[in-house]
Every structure is written in structure tokens, then in C-alpha cells.
C-alpha atoms as a PDB file:
ATOM      1  CA  UNK A   1     114.183 106.319 116.394  1.00  0.00           C
ATOM      2  CA  UNK A   2     116.964 105.805 113.942  1.00  0.00           C
ATOM      3  CA  UNK A   3     115.495 103.554 110.996  1.00  0.00           C
ATOM      4  CA  UNK A   4     117.257 101.401 109.008  1.00  0.00           C
ATOM      5  CA  UNK A   5     116.275 101.665 104.775  1.00  0.00           C
ATOM      6  CA  UNK A   6     116.628  99.305 102.197  1.00  0.00           C
ATOM      7  CA  UNK A   7     116.007 100.853  98.712  1.00  0.00           C
ATOM      8  CA  UNK A   8     115.290 100.113  95.175  1.00  0.00           C
ATOM      9  CA  UNK A   9     115.312 102.360  92.114  1.00  0.00           C
ATOM     10  CA  UNK A  10     114.415 101.511  88.640  1.00  0.00           C
ATOM     11  CA  UNK A  11     113.092 103.441  85.689  1.00  0.00           C
ATOM     12  CA  UNK A  12     112.609 102.693  82.069  1.00  0.00           C
ATOM     13  CA  UNK A  13     111.485 104.329  78.876  1.00  0.00           C
ATOM     14  CA  UNK A  14     108.818 101.865  78.164  1.00  0.00           C
ATOM     15  CA  UNK A  15     108.030  99.783  75.379  1.00  0.00           C
ATOM     16  CA  UNK A  16     106.791 103.015  73.468  1.00  0.00           C
ATOM     17  CA  UNK A  17     108.608 106.345  73.830  1.00  0.00           C
ATOM     18  CA  UNK A  18     111.872 107.051  72.649  1.00  0.00           C
ATOM     19  CA  UNK A  19     113.074 109.023  75.482  1.00  0.00           C
ATOM     20  CA  UNK A  20     112.813 108.315  79.288  1.00  0.00           C
ATOM     21  CA  UNK A  21     111.793 111.657  80.654  1.00  0.00           C
ATOM     22  CA  UNK A  22     111.169 110.377  84.166  1.00  0.00           C
ATOM     23  CA  UNK A  23     114.136 110.601  86.661  1.00  0.00           C
ATOM     24  CA  UNK A  24     114.456 109.786  90.416  1.00  0.00           C
ATOM     25  CA  UNK A  25     117.037 109.012  92.860  1.00  0.00           C
ATOM     26  CA  UNK A  26     117.525 108.938  96.744  1.00  0.00           C
ATOM     27  CA  UNK A  27     120.131 109.208  99.335  1.00  0.00           C
ATOM     28  CA  UNK A  28     121.007 107.316 102.841  1.00  0.00           C
ATOM     29  CA  UNK A  29     121.426 108.650 105.896  1.00  0.00           C
ATOM     30  CA  UNK A  30     125.180 108.794 105.770  1.00  0.00           C
ATOM     31  CA  UNK A  31     125.057 111.332 103.123  1.00  0.00           C
ATOM     32  CA  UNK A  32     122.307 113.468 104.249  1.00  0.00           C
ATOM     33  CA  UNK A  33     121.926 116.597 106.951  1.00  0.00           C
ATOM     34  CA  UNK A  34     122.270 114.987 110.669  1.00  0.00           C
ATOM     35  CA  UNK A  35     118.475 113.719 111.662  1.00  0.00           C
ATOM     36  CA  UNK A  36     117.630 112.422 107.787  1.00  0.00           C
ATOM     37  CA  UNK A  37     117.878 108.957 107.593  1.00  0.00           C
ATOM     38  CA  UNK A  38     116.716 108.890 103.782  1.00  0.00           C
ATOM     39  CA  UNK A  39     115.293 111.146 100.877  1.00  0.00           C
ATOM     40  CA  UNK A  40     113.525 109.745  97.891  1.00  0.00           C
ATOM     41  CA  UNK A  41     112.530 111.514  94.869  1.00  0.00           C
ATOM     42  CA  UNK A  42     110.802 110.793  91.918  1.00  0.00           C
ATOM     43  CA  UNK A  43     109.915 113.148  88.779  1.00  0.00           C
ATOM     44  CA  UNK A  44     108.049 112.516  85.605  1.00  0.00           C
ATOM     45  CA  UNK A  45     109.524 115.317  82.751  1.00  0.00           C
ATOM     46  CA  UNK A  46     106.956 116.922  80.479  1.00  0.00           C
ATOM     47  CA  UNK A  47     107.484 119.061  77.817  1.00  0.00           C
ATOM     48  CA  UNK A  48     108.264 117.033  74.282  1.00  0.00           C
ATOM     49  CA  UNK A  49     112.166 116.567  72.552  1.00  0.00           C
ATOM     50  CA  UNK A  50     114.435 116.641  75.629  1.00  0.00           C
ATOM     51  CA  UNK A  51     113.111 119.165  77.407  1.00  0.00           C
ATOM     52  CA  UNK A  52     110.797 116.984  79.925  1.00  0.00           C
ATOM     53  CA  UNK A  53     113.948 114.889  80.317  1.00  0.00           C
ATOM     54  CA  UNK A  54     116.174 117.928  81.632  1.00  0.00           C
ATOM     55  CA  UNK A  55     113.489 119.352  83.707  1.00  0.00           C
ATOM     56  CA  UNK A  56     112.684 116.129  85.822  1.00  0.00           C
ATOM     57  CA  UNK A  57     116.742 115.612  86.292  1.00  0.00           C
ATOM     58  CA  UNK A  58     116.934 119.009  87.602  1.00  0.00           C
ATOM     59  CA  UNK A  59     113.942 118.549  89.865  1.00  0.00           C
ATOM     60  CA  UNK A  60     115.899 115.357  91.509  1.00  0.00           C
ATOM     61  CA  UNK A  61     119.203 117.367  91.815  1.00  0.00           C
ATOM     62  CA  UNK A  62     118.023 119.995  93.365  1.00  0.00           C
ATOM     63  CA  UNK A  63     115.859 117.941  95.986  1.00  0.00           C
ATOM     64  CA  UNK A  64     118.726 115.759  96.818  1.00  0.00           C
ATOM     65  CA  UNK A  65     121.639 118.287  96.609  1.00  0.00           C
ATOM     66  CA  UNK A  66     119.369 120.218  99.424  1.00  0.00           C
ATOM     67  CA  UNK A  67     119.507 117.482 101.710  1.00  0.00           C
ATOM     68  CA  UNK A  68     123.178 116.584 101.231  1.00  0.00           C
ATOM     69  CA  UNK A  69     125.044 117.074 104.497  1.00  0.00           C
ATOM     70  CA  UNK A  70     128.027 118.455 101.787  1.00  0.00           C
ATOM     71  CA  UNK A  71     126.012 120.532  99.576  1.00  0.00           C
ATOM     72  CA  UNK A  72     122.817 121.550 101.756  1.00  0.00           C
ATOM     73  CA  UNK A  73     121.882 125.057 101.645  1.00  0.00           C
ATOM     74  CA  UNK A  74     118.414 125.294 102.749  1.00  0.00           C
ATOM     75  CA  UNK A  75     119.189 126.090 106.390  1.00  0.00           C
ATOM     76  CA  UNK A  76     117.750 124.491 109.708  1.00  0.00           C
ATOM     77  CA  UNK A  77     116.165 121.133 108.941  1.00  0.00           C
ATOM     78  CA  UNK A  78     113.156 122.369 111.089  1.00  0.00           C
ATOM     79  CA  UNK A  79     110.132 122.099 110.631  1.00  0.00           C
ATOM     80  CA  UNK A  80     110.965 119.629 108.166  1.00  0.00           C
ATOM     81  CA  UNK A  81     107.789 120.542 106.137  1.00  0.00           C
ATOM     82  CA  UNK A  82     109.107 124.258 105.853  1.00  0.00           C
ATOM     83  CA  UNK A  83     112.354 122.974 104.095  1.00  0.00           C
ATOM     84  CA  UNK A  84     110.418 120.539 102.054  1.00  0.00           C
ATOM     85  CA  UNK A  85     108.300 123.276 100.674  1.00  0.00           C
ATOM     86  CA  UNK A  86     111.433 125.423 100.262  1.00  0.00           C
ATOM     87  CA  UNK A  87     113.183 122.898  98.198  1.00  0.00           C
ATOM     88  CA  UNK A  88     110.258 122.257  95.929  1.00  0.00           C
ATOM     89  CA  UNK A  89     109.845 125.981  95.583  1.00  0.00           C
ATOM     90  CA  UNK A  90     114.090 126.104  94.593  1.00  0.00           C
ATOM     91  CA  UNK A  91     113.562 123.171  92.050  1.00  0.00           C
ATOM     92  CA  UNK A  92     110.172 125.296  90.434  1.00  0.00           C
ATOM     93  CA  UNK A  93     112.300 128.690  90.057  1.00  0.00           C
ATOM     94  CA  UNK A  94     115.372 126.527  88.486  1.00  0.00           C
ATOM     95  CA  UNK A  95     113.245 124.649  86.056  1.00  0.00           C
ATOM     96  CA  UNK A  96     111.240 127.688  85.010  1.00  0.00           C
ATOM     97  CA  UNK A  97     114.157 130.215  84.537  1.00  0.00           C
ATOM     98  CA  UNK A  98     115.705 127.507  82.408  1.00  0.00           C
ATOM     99  CA  UNK A  99     112.804 126.813  80.319  1.00  0.00           C
ATOM    100  CA  UNK A 100     111.934 130.918  80.145  1.00  0.00           C
ATOM    101  CA  UNK A 101     116.084 131.721  79.249  1.00  0.00           C
ATOM    102  CA  UNK A 102     115.009 129.135  76.551  1.00  0.00           C
ATOM    103  CA  UNK A 103     112.846 131.485  74.854  1.00  0.00           C
ATOM    104  CA  UNK A 104     113.580 135.332  75.817  1.00  0.00           C
ATOM    105  CA  UNK A 105     117.542 134.890  76.827  1.00  0.00           C
ATOM    106  CA  UNK A 106     120.563 135.479  74.224  1.00  0.00           C
ATOM    107  CA  UNK A 107     120.546 133.433  70.962  1.00  0.00           C
ATOM    108  CA  UNK A 108     123.380 131.391  71.829  1.00  0.00           C
ATOM    109  CA  UNK A 109     121.051 129.571  74.767  1.00  0.00           C
ATOM    110  CA  UNK A 110     117.779 129.533  73.178  1.00  0.00           C
ATOM    111  CA  UNK A 111     116.293 126.176  72.732  1.00  0.00           C
ATOM    112  CA  UNK A 112     112.475 126.136  71.518  1.00  0.00           C
ATOM    113  CA  UNK A 113     112.293 122.145  72.600  1.00  0.00           C
ATOM    114  CA  UNK A 114     112.812 123.430  76.240  1.00  0.00           C
ATOM    115  CA  UNK A 115     110.591 126.496  76.334  1.00  0.00           C
ATOM    116  CA  UNK A 116     107.633 124.630  77.573  1.00  0.00           C
ATOM    117  CA  UNK A 117     109.178 122.234  80.033  1.00  0.00           C
ATOM    118  CA  UNK A 118     107.929 121.080  83.034  1.00  0.00           C
ATOM    119  CA  UNK A 119     107.842 117.661  85.771  1.00  0.00           C
ATOM    120  CA  UNK A 120     106.051 116.260  88.212  1.00  0.00           C
ATOM    121  CA  UNK A 121     107.894 115.723  91.562  1.00  0.00           C
ATOM    122  CA  UNK A 122     107.027 113.689  94.647  1.00  0.00           C
ATOM    123  CA  UNK A 123     109.538 113.673  97.790  1.00  0.00           C
ATOM    124  CA  UNK A 124     109.655 111.654 100.835  1.00  0.00           C
ATOM    125  CA  UNK A 125     111.957 112.755 103.558  1.00  0.00           C
ATOM    126  CA  UNK A 126     112.412 110.057 106.603  1.00  0.00           C
ATOM    127  CA  UNK A 127     113.711 112.045 109.823  1.00  0.00           C
ATOM    128  CA  UNK A 128     113.334 111.272 113.329  1.00  0.00           C
ATOM    129  CA  UNK A 129     110.368 108.568 112.952  1.00  0.00           C
ATOM    130  CA  UNK A 130     107.872 110.502 110.250  1.00  0.00           C
ATOM    131  CA  UNK A 131     108.038 110.317 106.905  1.00  0.00           C
ATOM    132  CA  UNK A 132     107.315 114.232 105.207  1.00  0.00           C
ATOM    133  CA  UNK A 133     105.676 113.904 101.846  1.00  0.00           C
ATOM    134  CA  UNK A 134     105.927 116.807  99.513  1.00  0.00           C
ATOM    135  CA  UNK A 135     104.470 116.686  96.028  1.00  0.00           C
ATOM    136  CA  UNK A 136     103.504 118.409  92.734  1.00  0.00           C
ATOM    137  CA  UNK A 137     101.514 116.588  89.848  1.00  0.00           C
ATOM    138  CA  UNK A 138     100.366 112.972  89.422  1.00  0.00           C
ATOM    139  CA  UNK A 139     103.485 111.181  90.122  1.00  0.00           C
ATOM    140  CA  UNK A 140     102.280 108.772  93.270  1.00  0.00           C
ATOM    141  CA  UNK A 141     103.610 108.150  96.894  1.00  0.00           C
ATOM    142  CA  UNK A 142     102.415 104.871  98.567  1.00  0.00           C
ATOM    143  CA  UNK A 143     102.878 103.488 101.880  1.00  0.00           C
ATOM    144  CA  UNK A 144     102.290  99.949 102.773  1.00  0.00           C
ATOM    145  CA  UNK A 145     101.450  99.155 106.371  1.00  0.00           C
ATOM    146  CA  UNK A 146     100.873  95.175 107.410  1.00  0.00           C
ATOM    147  CA  UNK A 147      98.290  94.003 104.863  1.00  0.00           C
ATOM    148  CA  UNK A 148      97.243  97.592 103.400  1.00  0.00           C
ATOM    149  CA  UNK A 149      98.836  99.967 100.359  1.00  0.00           C
ATOM    150  CA  UNK A 150      97.658 103.852 101.410  1.00  0.00           C
ATOM    151  CA  UNK A 151      97.919 106.461  98.604  1.00  0.00           C
ATOM    152  CA  UNK A 152      99.482 109.281 100.316  1.00  0.00           C
ATOM    153  CA  UNK A 153      99.223 111.982  97.485  1.00  0.00           C
ATOM    154  CA  UNK A 154      96.469 113.322  94.898  1.00  0.00           C
ATOM    155  CA  UNK A 155      96.931 113.271  91.310  1.00  0.00           C
ATOM    156  CA  UNK A 156      96.710 116.870  90.328  1.00  0.00           C
ATOM    157  CA  UNK A 157      95.157 116.685  86.822  1.00  0.00           C
ATOM    158  CA  UNK A 158      91.885 117.786  85.644  1.00  0.00           C
ATOM    159  CA  UNK A 159      90.289 114.308  85.495  1.00  0.00           C
ATOM    160  CA  UNK A 160      91.330 113.701  89.465  1.00  0.00           C
ATOM    161  CA  UNK A 161      90.001 117.113  90.214  1.00  0.00           C
ATOM    162  CA  UNK A 162      86.664 116.279  88.779  1.00  0.00           C
ATOM    163  CA  UNK A 163      86.538 112.963  90.729  1.00  0.00           C
ATOM    164  CA  UNK A 164      86.764 114.536  93.837  1.00  0.00           C
ATOM    165  CA  UNK A 165      83.975 117.180  93.145  1.00  0.00           C
ATOM    166  CA  UNK A 166      81.659 114.225  91.775  1.00  0.00           C
ATOM    167  CA  UNK A 167      81.566 115.171  88.627  1.00  0.00           C
ATOM    168  CA  UNK A 168      82.783 112.122  87.154  1.00  0.00           C
ATOM    169  CA  UNK A 169      82.734 108.625  88.815  1.00  0.00           C
ATOM    170  CA  UNK A 170      85.814 106.423  90.033  1.00  0.00           C
ATOM    171  CA  UNK A 171      84.860 103.858  86.914  1.00  0.00           C
ATOM    172  CA  UNK A 172      85.416 106.918  84.118  1.00  0.00           C
ATOM    173  CA  UNK A 173      88.782 107.826  85.722  1.00  0.00           C
ATOM    174  CA  UNK A 174      91.315 105.243  83.923  1.00  0.00           C
ATOM    175  CA  UNK A 175      89.821 105.968  80.538  1.00  0.00           C
ATOM    176  CA  UNK A 176      89.080 109.596  81.363  1.00  0.00           C
ATOM    177  CA  UNK A 177      90.375 112.120  78.367  1.00  0.00           C
ATOM    178  CA  UNK A 178      91.614 114.517  80.975  1.00  0.00           C
ATOM    179  CA  UNK A 179      93.817 112.138  83.104  1.00  0.00           C
ATOM    180  CA  UNK A 180      96.909 113.554  81.741  1.00  0.00           C
ATOM    181  CA  UNK A 181      96.094 117.404  81.910  1.00  0.00           C
ATOM    182  CA  UNK A 182      97.618 118.129  85.076  1.00  0.00           C
ATOM    183  CA  UNK A 183      96.786 121.383  87.064  1.00  0.00           C
ATOM    184  CA  UNK A 184     100.350 122.085  88.175  1.00  0.00           C
ATOM    185  CA  UNK A 185     103.648 120.982  87.327  1.00  0.00           C
ATOM    186  CA  UNK A 186     106.955 122.244  88.740  1.00  0.00           C
ATOM    187  CA  UNK A 187     108.566 124.852  86.232  1.00  0.00           C
ATOM    188  CA  UNK A 188     106.001 125.569  83.720  1.00  0.00           C
ATOM    189  CA  UNK A 189     104.386 128.648  86.292  1.00  0.00           C
ATOM    190  CA  UNK A 190     106.473 131.315  88.129  1.00  0.00           C
ATOM    191  CA  UNK A 191     104.821 129.739  91.594  1.00  0.00           C
ATOM    192  CA  UNK A 192     103.574 126.560  92.716  1.00  0.00           C
ATOM    193  CA  UNK A 193     102.083 125.107  95.863  1.00  0.00           C
ATOM    194  CA  UNK A 194     103.438 121.887  97.060  1.00  0.00           C
ATOM    195  CA  UNK A 195     101.206 119.572  98.816  1.00  0.00           C
ATOM    196  CA  UNK A 196     102.982 118.686 101.945  1.00  0.00           C
ATOM    197  CA  UNK A 197     102.282 115.403 104.474  1.00  0.00           C
ATOM    198  CA  UNK A 198     104.167 114.071 107.716  1.00  0.00           C
ATOM    199  CA  UNK A 199     102.838 110.743 108.796  1.00  0.00           C
ATOM    200  CA  UNK A 200     104.331 108.668 111.309  1.00  0.00           C
ATOM    201  CA  UNK A 201     106.673 105.802 110.185  1.00  0.00           C
ATOM    202  CA  UNK A 202     106.740 102.497 111.430  1.00  0.00           C
ATOM    203  CA  UNK A 203     109.315  99.425 111.654  1.00  0.00           C
ATOM    204  CA  UNK A 204     107.960  97.624 108.766  1.00  0.00           C
ATOM    205  CA  UNK A 205     106.429  99.788 106.927  1.00  0.00           C
ATOM    206  CA  UNK A 206     106.914 100.373 103.034  1.00  0.00           C
ATOM    207  CA  UNK A 207     107.511 102.985 100.810  1.00  0.00           C
ATOM    208  CA  UNK A 208     106.872 103.409  96.995  1.00  0.00           C
ATOM    209  CA  UNK A 209     107.485 105.834  94.792  1.00  0.00           C
ATOM    210  CA  UNK A 210     106.126 105.860  91.179  1.00  0.00           C
ATOM    211  CA  UNK A 211     105.176 107.688  88.117  1.00  0.00           C
ATOM    212  CA  UNK A 212     101.965 107.306  86.497  1.00  0.00           C
ATOM    213  CA  UNK A 213     103.346 104.715  84.047  1.00  0.00           C
ATOM    214  CA  UNK A 214     103.314 102.321  86.853  1.00  0.00           C
ATOM    215  CA  UNK A 215      99.940 102.821  88.299  1.00  0.00           C
ATOM    216  CA  UNK A 216      97.932 103.389  85.285  1.00  0.00           C
ATOM    217  CA  UNK A 217      98.483  99.920  84.289  1.00  0.00           C
ATOM    218  CA  UNK A 218      99.115  97.799  87.352  1.00  0.00           C
ATOM    219  CA  UNK A 219      96.516  98.269  90.200  1.00  0.00           C
ATOM    220  CA  UNK A 220      96.785  98.686  93.638  1.00  0.00           C
ATOM    221  CA  UNK A 221      95.715  95.417  94.447  1.00  0.00           C
ATOM    222  CA  UNK A 222      98.866  94.006  92.456  1.00  0.00           C
ATOM    223  CA  UNK A 223     100.970  96.927  93.847  1.00  0.00           C
ATOM    224  CA  UNK A 224     100.495  95.654  96.773  1.00  0.00           C
ATOM    225  CA  UNK A 225     100.876  92.167  95.968  1.00  0.00           C
ATOM    226  CA  UNK A 226     104.263  92.433  94.660  1.00  0.00           C
ATOM    227  CA  UNK A 227     105.662  94.855  97.170  1.00  0.00           C
ATOM    228  CA  UNK A 228     104.264  92.376  99.929  1.00  0.00           C
ATOM    229  CA  UNK A 229     105.953  89.667  97.956  1.00  0.00           C
ATOM    230  CA  UNK A 230     109.792  90.175  98.775  1.00  0.00           C
ATOM    231  CA  UNK A 231     111.956  92.465 101.011  1.00  0.00           C
ATOM    232  CA  UNK A 232     114.550  92.567  98.133  1.00  0.00           C
ATOM    233  CA  UNK A 233     114.129  96.161  97.445  1.00  0.00           C
ATOM    234  CA  UNK A 234     115.695  96.582  94.006  1.00  0.00           C
ATOM    235  CA  UNK A 235     114.148  93.221  93.195  1.00  0.00           C
ATOM    236  CA  UNK A 236     110.594  94.478  93.711  1.00  0.00           C
ATOM    237  CA  UNK A 237     111.465  97.808  91.954  1.00  0.00           C
ATOM    238  CA  UNK A 238     113.043  95.933  89.151  1.00  0.00           C
ATOM    239  CA  UNK A 239     109.751  93.867  89.117  1.00  0.00           C
ATOM    240  CA  UNK A 240     107.299  96.827  89.301  1.00  0.00           C
ATOM    241  CA  UNK A 241     108.695  98.271  86.185  1.00  0.00           C
ATOM    242  CA  UNK A 242     108.655  94.949  84.104  1.00  0.00           C
ATOM    243  CA  UNK A 243     105.146  94.368  84.921  1.00  0.00           C
ATOM    244  CA  UNK A 244     104.261  97.816  83.642  1.00  0.00           C
ATOM    245  CA  UNK A 245     105.916  97.201  80.559  1.00  0.00           C
ATOM    246  CA  UNK A 246     104.437  93.462  80.216  1.00  0.00           C
ATOM    247  CA  UNK A 247     101.288  95.241  80.824  1.00  0.00           C
ATOM    248  CA  UNK A 248     101.723  97.655  78.050  1.00  0.00           C
ATOM    249  CA  UNK A 249     102.444 101.100  79.823  1.00  0.00           C
ATOM    250  CA  UNK A 250     102.395 103.699  76.943  1.00  0.00           C
ATOM    251  CA  UNK A 251     104.632 106.239  78.817  1.00  0.00           C
ATOM    252  CA  UNK A 252     108.152 105.652  80.867  1.00  0.00           C
ATOM    253  CA  UNK A 253     107.947 104.024  83.897  1.00  0.00           C
ATOM    254  CA  UNK A 254     109.666 104.679  87.268  1.00  0.00           C
ATOM    255  CA  UNK A 255     109.518 103.308  91.098  1.00  0.00           C
ATOM    256  CA  UNK A 256     111.201 103.474  94.100  1.00  0.00           C
ATOM    257  CA  UNK A 257     110.993 101.179  96.403  1.00  0.00           C
ATOM    258  CA  UNK A 258     112.035 101.658 100.493  1.00  0.00           C
ATOM    259  CA  UNK A 259     111.678  98.896 103.158  1.00  0.00           C
ATOM    260  CA  UNK A 260     112.332 100.310 106.450  1.00  0.00           C
ATOM    261  CA  UNK A 261     113.217  98.746 109.433  1.00  0.00           C
ATOM    262  CA  UNK A 262     114.496  99.406 112.788  1.00  0.00           C
END
């Protein structure tokens, strides 16, 4: 089943931060490997100064280059889950090696500001009637189907982990001090274990990828209402980011909206 996708992307440093350490992007079917109808990615960098900005942009480019038909080096596309894992492993390795070189490399290339850099990464690949999600960190992927919004990823931070283990309640989660402490991120360690999920996609579905600067201040009910209010993907992405800014987000904010039709 060949699907058509209308994509909108917006990112903003927000009202508080000096730098935008979020990044993201997408490639359409005509740019992608045969059998891929779209690749979408959002990343939220960490590490301070410009380290997070470098890490998030690097991860995004690794992912998109891997699925571009004129630059791909992942080999066979199928099974898609394996190629997704391979690409995230490469992103992790590239960011980690740059971070380590910033500490122990030749003096000319050392940069202490990049020594602890890392990034979240959330990827969605539309292929052969399926959506495959690859995820590390606490950016999110949502799927809107009819009048329901489903979260496809699990936040990989200590507060969310404690919620899943029953240590804290859902009421404690929004303001929990451990919410910003990630349990894993791309580039902070030698190895990473991505969450991977494949789900059947339908015409009429909408995909939302976003950083925590959006979902921490705009709840799921409002996200559902805004996504369902228009089919102009760029307009909706812009509105989501603006809503986060109006809601006093303290972080960078990024939204990628993909409307899927047959």
C-alpha cells in the first residue's frame, strides 16, 4: 500500500533558553530508499553550551542520510526494525566518539563544552503500510487515529521509570524532580538499547513527533484537539509550538506533524 504524506515541521528555542538544542527533519518518498514512504525524526540535545545542539543535529543527519537513496549505507532495508536499530547504533557511536575526542583527542580538537553531550532521538519510518518507531530518551511519538491519541513511546527518564514501577503516582509525575534525568540517551555511553515498535498504519492517521518542551506544557487532550482541527500540517506544527510558548514552556520546543492518506 503506497501512502501519501503531508508533513509540517517547526522548532523554536522557546522563551527561556539562549540556544535551540532541538533538531529534526524528514525525507519524503521521492528522496528515500525504495519502499519507504517517509522518514521523520526529532532530537533533543543535552550537554550545555553548544554540545547538545551539535549532538541533536548529528543524530538527525545520521538517520536521514541512512534512508536517503543517494547516501544510504545501511544495506538491505528489511527487516525494517533491524535497519532502525543499526541506524540508531551508528548515531550513538558518532556522537559518543565526538564527545570522547573533545576530552582525550589532540589538543587542537579538544572542546570541554562538548565532552558530555548527548541527545534524545525519536524516529518514525513509514514503509509498506506500517509505521516503525525507533526511540531513545524522552522525546515522544504519538499516533492520532479517528478521535483517539495514542502515545507510541515510553519516556526513558527516572520519574517515568518510577511511575511504571508503581513507586510514584501519575499525579506526581508532572512536577517530579527526576523527570529530566534520562535513563539513556544517544551518545552518552558506548552502547544504547533503542525501543523499537512497528504498527499498522491507516489512511487518515496522523503522526506527531515532539520534544518534551511541547508535551510538558500542552496536555494530550489539547494535542488531540489541535491536531484534529486542521489538515494543514505546517500550520498545525507552527500552532503547536506557539501553544507551548504561550503556555510558558521553559525548554526548546519542536513538533513534526505528518498527515497520512492513501
